[in-house]
N, C-alpha and C. Protein backbone atom coordinates (compact mmCIF):
# COMPACT_ATOMS: atom_id res chain seq x y z
N MET A 1 -5.44 -77.71 18.87
CA MET A 1 -4.76 -76.54 18.38
C MET A 1 -3.32 -76.55 18.93
N ILE A 2 -2.40 -76.16 18.07
CA ILE A 2 -1.00 -76.02 18.45
C ILE A 2 -0.57 -74.60 18.10
N ARG A 3 0.10 -73.93 19.05
CA ARG A 3 0.63 -72.59 18.80
C ARG A 3 2.14 -72.65 18.97
N LEU A 4 2.86 -72.07 18.00
CA LEU A 4 4.32 -72.11 18.00
C LEU A 4 4.91 -70.75 17.68
N TYR A 5 6.14 -70.55 18.14
CA TYR A 5 6.91 -69.39 17.73
C TYR A 5 7.97 -69.87 16.76
N LEU A 6 8.02 -69.23 15.58
CA LEU A 6 9.00 -69.56 14.55
C LEU A 6 10.01 -68.41 14.53
N ALA A 7 11.17 -68.63 15.10
CA ALA A 7 12.15 -67.56 15.28
C ALA A 7 12.75 -67.09 13.97
N ASP A 8 12.84 -67.98 12.98
CA ASP A 8 13.50 -67.63 11.73
C ASP A 8 13.05 -68.60 10.63
N GLU A 9 13.64 -68.45 9.45
CA GLU A 9 13.25 -69.29 8.32
C GLU A 9 13.56 -70.76 8.59
N ALA A 10 14.63 -71.04 9.33
CA ALA A 10 14.97 -72.43 9.67
C ALA A 10 13.86 -73.07 10.51
N ALA A 11 13.26 -72.30 11.40
CA ALA A 11 12.16 -72.81 12.21
C ALA A 11 10.94 -73.09 11.34
N SER A 12 10.68 -72.21 10.37
CA SER A 12 9.58 -72.46 9.43
C SER A 12 9.84 -73.72 8.62
N GLN A 13 11.09 -73.91 8.22
CA GLN A 13 11.45 -75.12 7.48
C GLN A 13 11.27 -76.36 8.34
N GLY A 14 11.60 -76.27 9.62
CA GLY A 14 11.41 -77.40 10.54
C GLY A 14 9.95 -77.75 10.70
N LEU A 15 9.10 -76.74 10.84
CA LEU A 15 7.66 -76.98 10.94
C LEU A 15 7.15 -77.62 9.65
N ALA A 16 7.56 -77.07 8.51
CA ALA A 16 7.11 -77.60 7.22
C ALA A 16 7.54 -79.05 7.06
N ALA A 17 8.76 -79.38 7.44
CA ALA A 17 9.25 -80.75 7.32
C ALA A 17 8.46 -81.70 8.21
N ALA A 18 8.14 -81.26 9.43
CA ALA A 18 7.36 -82.09 10.34
C ALA A 18 5.95 -82.33 9.79
N LEU A 19 5.33 -81.28 9.25
CA LEU A 19 3.99 -81.42 8.68
C LEU A 19 4.03 -82.32 7.44
N ALA A 20 5.04 -82.14 6.60
CA ALA A 20 5.16 -82.95 5.37
C ALA A 20 5.36 -84.42 5.71
N ALA A 21 6.15 -84.70 6.73
CA ALA A 21 6.46 -86.09 7.09
C ALA A 21 5.26 -86.84 7.64
N SER A 22 4.30 -86.12 8.18
CA SER A 22 3.18 -86.79 8.84
C SER A 22 1.83 -86.54 8.18
N ALA A 23 1.81 -85.84 7.06
CA ALA A 23 0.54 -85.47 6.42
C ALA A 23 -0.20 -86.69 5.91
N PRO A 24 -1.51 -86.71 6.12
CA PRO A 24 -2.31 -87.77 5.49
C PRO A 24 -2.41 -87.48 4.00
N ALA A 25 -2.82 -88.47 3.25
CA ALA A 25 -3.03 -88.26 1.81
C ALA A 25 -4.45 -88.68 1.47
N PRO A 26 -5.24 -87.82 0.91
CA PRO A 26 -4.93 -86.43 0.59
C PRO A 26 -5.03 -85.54 1.82
N ALA A 27 -4.41 -84.37 1.73
CA ALA A 27 -4.48 -83.37 2.79
C ALA A 27 -4.73 -82.01 2.15
N VAL A 28 -5.64 -81.27 2.72
CA VAL A 28 -5.95 -79.92 2.26
C VAL A 28 -5.61 -78.97 3.40
N VAL A 29 -4.70 -78.03 3.10
CA VAL A 29 -4.21 -77.09 4.11
C VAL A 29 -4.49 -75.67 3.65
N TYR A 30 -5.20 -74.92 4.49
CA TYR A 30 -5.45 -73.52 4.22
C TYR A 30 -4.42 -72.71 5.00
N LEU A 31 -3.71 -71.84 4.28
CA LEU A 31 -2.69 -70.99 4.87
C LEU A 31 -3.24 -69.57 5.01
N HIS A 32 -3.33 -69.09 6.25
CA HIS A 32 -3.90 -67.79 6.54
C HIS A 32 -2.83 -66.84 7.06
N GLY A 33 -2.99 -65.57 6.75
CA GLY A 33 -2.08 -64.55 7.29
C GLY A 33 -2.01 -63.37 6.36
N ASP A 34 -1.59 -62.25 6.91
CA ASP A 34 -1.43 -61.04 6.13
C ASP A 34 -0.28 -61.19 5.14
N LEU A 35 -0.18 -60.23 4.23
CA LEU A 35 0.97 -60.19 3.33
C LEU A 35 2.25 -60.15 4.17
N GLY A 36 3.22 -60.96 3.80
CA GLY A 36 4.49 -60.99 4.51
C GLY A 36 4.51 -61.82 5.77
N SER A 37 3.45 -62.58 6.03
CA SER A 37 3.39 -63.37 7.27
C SER A 37 4.13 -64.70 7.16
N GLY A 38 4.53 -65.10 5.95
CA GLY A 38 5.30 -66.33 5.80
C GLY A 38 4.58 -67.49 5.16
N LYS A 39 3.43 -67.24 4.56
CA LYS A 39 2.67 -68.33 3.93
C LYS A 39 3.45 -68.99 2.80
N SER A 40 3.99 -68.19 1.90
CA SER A 40 4.74 -68.74 0.76
C SER A 40 6.03 -69.40 1.22
N THR A 41 6.67 -68.85 2.23
CA THR A 41 7.90 -69.44 2.77
C THR A 41 7.60 -70.82 3.33
N LEU A 42 6.51 -70.95 4.08
CA LEU A 42 6.13 -72.25 4.64
C LEU A 42 5.79 -73.23 3.52
N ALA A 43 5.02 -72.79 2.54
CA ALA A 43 4.63 -73.66 1.43
C ALA A 43 5.86 -74.13 0.66
N ARG A 44 6.78 -73.24 0.38
CA ARG A 44 8.00 -73.59 -0.35
C ARG A 44 8.81 -74.63 0.43
N ALA A 45 8.97 -74.42 1.74
CA ALA A 45 9.71 -75.36 2.58
C ALA A 45 9.01 -76.72 2.63
N TRP A 46 7.69 -76.71 2.63
CA TRP A 46 6.91 -77.94 2.67
C TRP A 46 7.15 -78.73 1.39
N LEU A 47 7.09 -78.05 0.26
CA LEU A 47 7.31 -78.72 -1.03
C LEU A 47 8.74 -79.26 -1.12
N ARG A 48 9.70 -78.51 -0.64
CA ARG A 48 11.09 -78.99 -0.61
C ARG A 48 11.20 -80.24 0.25
N ALA A 49 10.52 -80.25 1.39
CA ALA A 49 10.55 -81.41 2.29
C ALA A 49 9.95 -82.65 1.62
N LEU A 50 9.06 -82.43 0.66
CA LEU A 50 8.46 -83.55 -0.09
C LEU A 50 9.32 -83.97 -1.28
N GLY A 51 10.46 -83.32 -1.46
CA GLY A 51 11.38 -83.72 -2.51
C GLY A 51 11.31 -82.92 -3.79
N VAL A 52 10.54 -81.84 -3.79
CA VAL A 52 10.46 -81.00 -4.99
C VAL A 52 11.81 -80.30 -5.17
N THR A 53 12.37 -80.44 -6.36
CA THR A 53 13.64 -79.79 -6.68
C THR A 53 13.39 -78.75 -7.77
N GLY A 54 14.40 -77.99 -8.06
CA GLY A 54 14.23 -76.93 -9.06
C GLY A 54 13.51 -75.75 -8.45
N THR A 55 13.03 -74.89 -9.31
CA THR A 55 12.37 -73.67 -8.87
C THR A 55 11.00 -73.97 -8.27
N VAL A 56 10.77 -73.44 -7.10
CA VAL A 56 9.45 -73.50 -6.47
C VAL A 56 8.91 -72.08 -6.53
N ARG A 57 8.05 -71.86 -7.51
CA ARG A 57 7.53 -70.51 -7.76
C ARG A 57 6.33 -70.20 -6.87
N SER A 58 6.24 -68.94 -6.50
CA SER A 58 5.04 -68.48 -5.82
C SER A 58 3.94 -68.33 -6.86
N PRO A 59 2.75 -68.84 -6.59
CA PRO A 59 1.67 -68.74 -7.57
C PRO A 59 0.91 -67.42 -7.52
N THR A 60 1.58 -66.35 -7.12
CA THR A 60 0.92 -65.05 -6.99
C THR A 60 0.21 -64.64 -8.27
N TYR A 61 0.84 -64.84 -9.42
CA TYR A 61 0.23 -64.42 -10.69
C TYR A 61 -0.36 -65.59 -11.46
N THR A 62 0.19 -66.77 -11.31
CA THR A 62 -0.34 -67.94 -12.03
C THR A 62 -1.55 -68.53 -11.30
N LEU A 63 -1.72 -68.21 -10.05
CA LEU A 63 -2.77 -68.67 -9.15
C LEU A 63 -2.59 -70.10 -8.68
N VAL A 64 -2.05 -70.98 -9.54
CA VAL A 64 -1.80 -72.36 -9.12
C VAL A 64 -0.50 -72.85 -9.74
N GLU A 65 0.26 -73.54 -8.93
CA GLU A 65 1.46 -74.23 -9.40
C GLU A 65 1.29 -75.70 -9.01
N ARG A 66 1.63 -76.58 -9.95
CA ARG A 66 1.52 -78.02 -9.74
C ARG A 66 2.92 -78.60 -9.63
N TYR A 67 3.10 -79.50 -8.67
CA TYR A 67 4.40 -80.12 -8.45
C TYR A 67 4.25 -81.63 -8.41
N PRO A 68 4.92 -82.34 -9.31
CA PRO A 68 4.89 -83.80 -9.26
C PRO A 68 5.64 -84.30 -8.03
N LEU A 69 5.08 -85.32 -7.42
CA LEU A 69 5.69 -85.95 -6.25
C LEU A 69 5.95 -87.42 -6.55
N ALA A 70 6.52 -88.11 -5.61
CA ALA A 70 6.81 -89.53 -5.76
C ALA A 70 5.53 -90.33 -6.02
N ALA A 71 5.71 -91.45 -6.65
CA ALA A 71 4.63 -92.40 -6.93
C ALA A 71 3.52 -91.79 -7.78
N GLY A 72 3.86 -90.81 -8.60
CA GLY A 72 2.89 -90.25 -9.52
C GLY A 72 1.87 -89.31 -8.92
N SER A 73 2.03 -88.96 -7.66
CA SER A 73 1.08 -88.03 -7.05
C SER A 73 1.50 -86.59 -7.34
N GLU A 74 0.69 -85.67 -6.87
CA GLU A 74 0.89 -84.26 -7.19
C GLU A 74 0.53 -83.39 -6.00
N ALA A 75 1.25 -82.28 -5.85
CA ALA A 75 0.92 -81.26 -4.87
C ALA A 75 0.51 -80.01 -5.61
N LEU A 76 -0.48 -79.31 -5.08
CA LEU A 76 -0.92 -78.04 -5.64
C LEU A 76 -0.63 -76.94 -4.64
N HIS A 77 -0.10 -75.83 -5.14
CA HIS A 77 0.09 -74.63 -4.33
C HIS A 77 -0.72 -73.53 -4.99
N LEU A 78 -1.73 -73.05 -4.29
CA LEU A 78 -2.61 -72.01 -4.82
C LEU A 78 -2.42 -70.72 -4.03
N ASP A 79 -2.46 -69.60 -4.73
CA ASP A 79 -2.47 -68.28 -4.11
C ASP A 79 -3.67 -67.55 -4.71
N LEU A 80 -4.72 -67.41 -3.92
CA LEU A 80 -5.98 -66.87 -4.43
C LEU A 80 -6.17 -65.39 -4.15
N TYR A 81 -5.10 -64.70 -3.78
CA TYR A 81 -5.18 -63.29 -3.45
C TYR A 81 -5.81 -62.47 -4.57
N ARG A 82 -5.52 -62.80 -5.82
CA ARG A 82 -5.94 -61.98 -6.95
C ARG A 82 -7.28 -62.39 -7.57
N ILE A 83 -7.96 -63.37 -6.99
CA ILE A 83 -9.26 -63.72 -7.57
C ILE A 83 -10.37 -62.95 -6.88
N GLY A 84 -11.48 -62.81 -7.60
CA GLY A 84 -12.61 -62.06 -7.06
C GLY A 84 -13.61 -62.93 -6.33
N GLY A 85 -13.55 -64.24 -6.54
CA GLY A 85 -14.50 -65.13 -5.90
C GLY A 85 -14.33 -66.55 -6.38
N ALA A 86 -15.06 -67.45 -5.73
CA ALA A 86 -14.93 -68.88 -6.01
C ALA A 86 -15.26 -69.24 -7.46
N ALA A 87 -16.12 -68.47 -8.13
CA ALA A 87 -16.48 -68.78 -9.51
C ALA A 87 -15.27 -68.77 -10.44
N GLU A 88 -14.26 -67.99 -10.09
CA GLU A 88 -13.06 -67.92 -10.93
C GLU A 88 -12.21 -69.19 -10.84
N LEU A 89 -12.45 -70.02 -9.84
CA LEU A 89 -11.67 -71.25 -9.69
C LEU A 89 -11.91 -72.24 -10.82
N GLU A 90 -13.08 -72.19 -11.45
CA GLU A 90 -13.39 -73.16 -12.50
C GLU A 90 -12.43 -73.04 -13.69
N TYR A 91 -11.79 -71.91 -13.86
CA TYR A 91 -10.87 -71.71 -14.97
C TYR A 91 -9.47 -72.25 -14.67
N LEU A 92 -9.25 -72.73 -13.45
CA LEU A 92 -7.93 -73.22 -13.08
C LEU A 92 -7.74 -74.71 -13.34
N GLY A 93 -8.80 -75.40 -13.74
CA GLY A 93 -8.70 -76.83 -14.04
C GLY A 93 -8.46 -77.68 -12.81
N LEU A 94 -9.06 -77.31 -11.71
CA LEU A 94 -8.84 -78.06 -10.47
C LEU A 94 -9.81 -79.22 -10.29
N ASP A 95 -10.85 -79.28 -11.10
CA ASP A 95 -11.84 -80.35 -10.96
C ASP A 95 -11.22 -81.72 -11.15
N ASP A 96 -10.25 -81.82 -12.03
CA ASP A 96 -9.63 -83.11 -12.30
C ASP A 96 -8.34 -83.31 -11.49
N ALA A 97 -8.08 -82.43 -10.56
CA ALA A 97 -6.85 -82.53 -9.77
C ALA A 97 -6.98 -83.68 -8.78
N GLY A 98 -6.10 -84.64 -8.91
CA GLY A 98 -6.05 -85.75 -7.96
C GLY A 98 -4.90 -85.55 -7.00
N ALA A 99 -4.71 -84.34 -6.56
CA ALA A 99 -3.55 -83.99 -5.73
C ALA A 99 -3.63 -84.66 -4.36
N CYS A 100 -2.47 -85.06 -3.87
CA CYS A 100 -2.41 -85.61 -2.52
C CYS A 100 -2.20 -84.50 -1.49
N LEU A 101 -1.85 -83.29 -1.96
CA LEU A 101 -1.66 -82.15 -1.07
C LEU A 101 -2.12 -80.88 -1.75
N TRP A 102 -2.95 -80.12 -1.04
CA TRP A 102 -3.37 -78.78 -1.46
C TRP A 102 -2.84 -77.80 -0.42
N LEU A 103 -2.02 -76.85 -0.84
CA LEU A 103 -1.58 -75.75 0.01
C LEU A 103 -2.22 -74.50 -0.56
N VAL A 104 -3.14 -73.91 0.18
CA VAL A 104 -3.97 -72.82 -0.36
C VAL A 104 -3.78 -71.55 0.45
N GLU A 105 -3.15 -70.54 -0.20
CA GLU A 105 -3.03 -69.22 0.40
C GLU A 105 -4.28 -68.41 0.05
N TRP A 106 -4.73 -67.60 0.97
CA TRP A 106 -5.93 -66.76 0.83
C TRP A 106 -7.16 -67.61 0.50
N PRO A 107 -7.42 -68.69 1.25
CA PRO A 107 -8.53 -69.59 0.92
C PRO A 107 -9.91 -68.93 1.02
N GLU A 108 -10.01 -67.89 1.83
CA GLU A 108 -11.31 -67.23 1.99
C GLU A 108 -11.80 -66.65 0.67
N ARG A 109 -10.92 -66.36 -0.26
CA ARG A 109 -11.31 -65.81 -1.56
C ARG A 109 -11.88 -66.88 -2.48
N GLY A 110 -11.65 -68.13 -2.15
CA GLY A 110 -12.20 -69.23 -2.94
C GLY A 110 -13.25 -70.02 -2.19
N ALA A 111 -13.79 -69.42 -1.12
CA ALA A 111 -14.77 -70.11 -0.27
C ALA A 111 -15.92 -70.66 -1.10
N GLY A 112 -16.25 -71.91 -0.86
CA GLY A 112 -17.32 -72.58 -1.57
C GLY A 112 -16.85 -73.29 -2.83
N GLY A 113 -15.64 -73.00 -3.30
CA GLY A 113 -15.14 -73.63 -4.51
C GLY A 113 -13.93 -74.50 -4.28
N LEU A 114 -13.54 -74.66 -3.03
CA LEU A 114 -12.37 -75.45 -2.67
C LEU A 114 -12.78 -76.69 -1.89
N PRO A 115 -11.95 -77.73 -1.91
CA PRO A 115 -12.23 -78.84 -1.02
C PRO A 115 -12.10 -78.37 0.43
N PRO A 116 -12.84 -78.98 1.34
CA PRO A 116 -12.75 -78.54 2.73
C PRO A 116 -11.36 -78.80 3.31
N ALA A 117 -10.95 -77.94 4.21
CA ALA A 117 -9.62 -78.04 4.82
C ALA A 117 -9.56 -79.16 5.84
N ASP A 118 -8.39 -79.77 5.92
CA ASP A 118 -8.07 -80.68 7.02
C ASP A 118 -7.34 -79.92 8.12
N LEU A 119 -6.59 -78.88 7.69
CA LEU A 119 -5.78 -78.12 8.63
C LEU A 119 -5.76 -76.66 8.21
N HIS A 120 -5.92 -75.78 9.20
CA HIS A 120 -5.74 -74.34 9.00
C HIS A 120 -4.44 -73.95 9.68
N VAL A 121 -3.57 -73.27 8.94
CA VAL A 121 -2.32 -72.75 9.49
C VAL A 121 -2.42 -71.24 9.45
N HIS A 122 -2.43 -70.63 10.64
CA HIS A 122 -2.51 -69.17 10.77
C HIS A 122 -1.13 -68.65 11.12
N LEU A 123 -0.61 -67.75 10.29
CA LEU A 123 0.71 -67.18 10.51
C LEU A 123 0.60 -65.68 10.75
N GLU A 124 1.42 -65.19 11.67
CA GLU A 124 1.47 -63.75 11.97
C GLU A 124 2.91 -63.35 12.24
N VAL A 125 3.24 -62.11 11.90
CA VAL A 125 4.54 -61.56 12.29
C VAL A 125 4.52 -61.41 13.80
N ALA A 126 5.61 -61.87 14.45
CA ALA A 126 5.72 -61.78 15.91
C ALA A 126 7.16 -61.35 16.23
N GLY A 127 7.37 -60.06 16.39
CA GLY A 127 8.72 -59.56 16.61
C GLY A 127 9.56 -59.79 15.37
N SER A 128 10.71 -60.41 15.55
CA SER A 128 11.57 -60.71 14.40
C SER A 128 11.24 -62.06 13.77
N GLY A 129 10.27 -62.78 14.33
CA GLY A 129 9.89 -64.08 13.81
C GLY A 129 8.43 -64.13 13.42
N ARG A 130 7.84 -65.30 13.55
CA ARG A 130 6.44 -65.52 13.21
C ARG A 130 5.79 -66.36 14.30
N SER A 131 4.49 -66.19 14.47
CA SER A 131 3.73 -67.13 15.29
C SER A 131 2.92 -67.98 14.33
N ALA A 132 2.75 -69.22 14.69
CA ALA A 132 1.96 -70.16 13.88
C ALA A 132 0.94 -70.83 14.78
N ARG A 133 -0.29 -70.87 14.30
CA ARG A 133 -1.35 -71.59 15.01
C ARG A 133 -1.88 -72.65 14.06
N LEU A 134 -1.86 -73.88 14.48
CA LEU A 134 -2.34 -75.00 13.68
C LEU A 134 -3.68 -75.46 14.25
N ASP A 135 -4.73 -75.34 13.45
CA ASP A 135 -6.07 -75.71 13.87
C ASP A 135 -6.59 -76.84 12.98
N PRO A 136 -6.92 -77.98 13.56
CA PRO A 136 -7.50 -79.04 12.74
C PRO A 136 -8.91 -78.66 12.30
N ALA A 137 -9.30 -79.10 11.11
CA ALA A 137 -10.63 -78.77 10.60
C ALA A 137 -11.42 -80.01 10.20
N SER A 138 -10.86 -81.18 10.43
CA SER A 138 -11.52 -82.44 10.10
C SER A 138 -10.99 -83.51 11.05
N SER A 139 -11.61 -84.68 11.03
CA SER A 139 -11.10 -85.77 11.87
C SER A 139 -9.71 -86.17 11.40
N ARG A 140 -9.47 -86.12 10.11
CA ARG A 140 -8.13 -86.42 9.57
C ARG A 140 -7.13 -85.39 10.09
N GLY A 141 -7.52 -84.11 10.13
CA GLY A 141 -6.65 -83.05 10.65
C GLY A 141 -6.37 -83.21 12.13
N ARG A 142 -7.38 -83.64 12.91
CA ARG A 142 -7.17 -83.86 14.35
C ARG A 142 -6.18 -85.00 14.57
N ALA A 143 -6.35 -86.08 13.82
CA ALA A 143 -5.43 -87.22 13.95
C ALA A 143 -4.02 -86.81 13.53
N TRP A 144 -3.93 -85.99 12.50
CA TRP A 144 -2.64 -85.50 12.02
C TRP A 144 -1.91 -84.73 13.11
N LEU A 145 -2.60 -83.78 13.73
CA LEU A 145 -1.96 -82.99 14.79
C LEU A 145 -1.67 -83.82 16.03
N ASP A 146 -2.54 -84.78 16.34
CA ASP A 146 -2.30 -85.65 17.49
C ASP A 146 -1.01 -86.45 17.32
N GLY A 147 -0.67 -86.81 16.09
CA GLY A 147 0.52 -87.61 15.83
C GLY A 147 1.72 -86.80 15.38
N LEU A 148 1.60 -85.48 15.37
CA LEU A 148 2.67 -84.62 14.87
C LEU A 148 3.87 -84.62 15.82
N SER A 149 5.03 -84.88 15.27
CA SER A 149 6.27 -84.84 16.03
C SER A 149 7.05 -83.60 15.59
N LEU A 150 7.13 -82.62 16.47
CA LEU A 150 7.77 -81.35 16.14
C LEU A 150 9.25 -81.35 16.52
N PRO A 151 10.06 -80.63 15.76
CA PRO A 151 11.48 -80.49 16.14
C PRO A 151 11.60 -79.86 17.52
N ALA A 152 12.61 -80.28 18.26
CA ALA A 152 12.80 -79.80 19.64
C ALA A 152 13.03 -78.30 19.72
N ASP A 153 13.55 -77.68 18.65
CA ASP A 153 13.85 -76.26 18.71
C ASP A 153 12.64 -75.36 18.45
N LEU A 154 11.49 -75.93 18.16
CA LEU A 154 10.28 -75.10 17.98
C LEU A 154 9.67 -74.86 19.35
N ARG A 155 9.49 -73.59 19.67
CA ARG A 155 9.01 -73.20 20.98
C ARG A 155 7.50 -73.03 20.98
N PRO A 156 6.79 -73.78 21.82
CA PRO A 156 5.33 -73.58 21.90
C PRO A 156 5.02 -72.22 22.51
N LEU A 157 3.93 -71.65 22.09
CA LEU A 157 3.42 -70.41 22.68
C LEU A 157 2.32 -70.77 23.65
N SER A 158 2.25 -70.08 24.74
CA SER A 158 1.17 -70.33 25.70
C SER A 158 -0.12 -69.77 25.15
N GLU A 159 -1.20 -70.30 25.63
CA GLU A 159 -2.53 -69.85 25.20
C GLU A 159 -2.81 -68.47 25.77
N PRO A 160 -3.42 -67.60 24.98
CA PRO A 160 -3.78 -66.27 25.50
C PRO A 160 -4.86 -66.40 26.56
N GLU A 161 -4.82 -65.50 27.49
CA GLU A 161 -5.84 -65.48 28.56
C GLU A 161 -7.18 -65.00 27.96
N PRO A 162 -8.29 -65.63 28.37
CA PRO A 162 -9.61 -65.21 27.84
C PRO A 162 -10.03 -63.87 28.36
């Protein structure tokens, strides 16, 4: 587990760039946090770090946005806030998705209908910035975090006392 303080949007962009640079393929990332915690900001920065140009839309109403990446691969950004349950995922056409990256906001609403996560990113408002907790959820996720090289300006947070 890694805990960080993200002082501003530039810090979120730095984290996203570091994660994008070292992500295994495929990688499934569940983004957790309340409304306004920075999930979409992190996802947008991550997609930009992968070379996505043009408009990077939030999938709040479309539920899924697909982004072509280099070498014919694809990234998916899902926002499941508006679905009632995993059964609704079948209408999104994700069964044939050969995406190398899944960024999933509100994954608990699609529980049982999504591929298992490699990494959980928990975001919270912390003063004028955000706190981020990165939890691996698979052996691929553990290896990813073990090899993660973070920008020097990202400040680690100490572990809370039990």
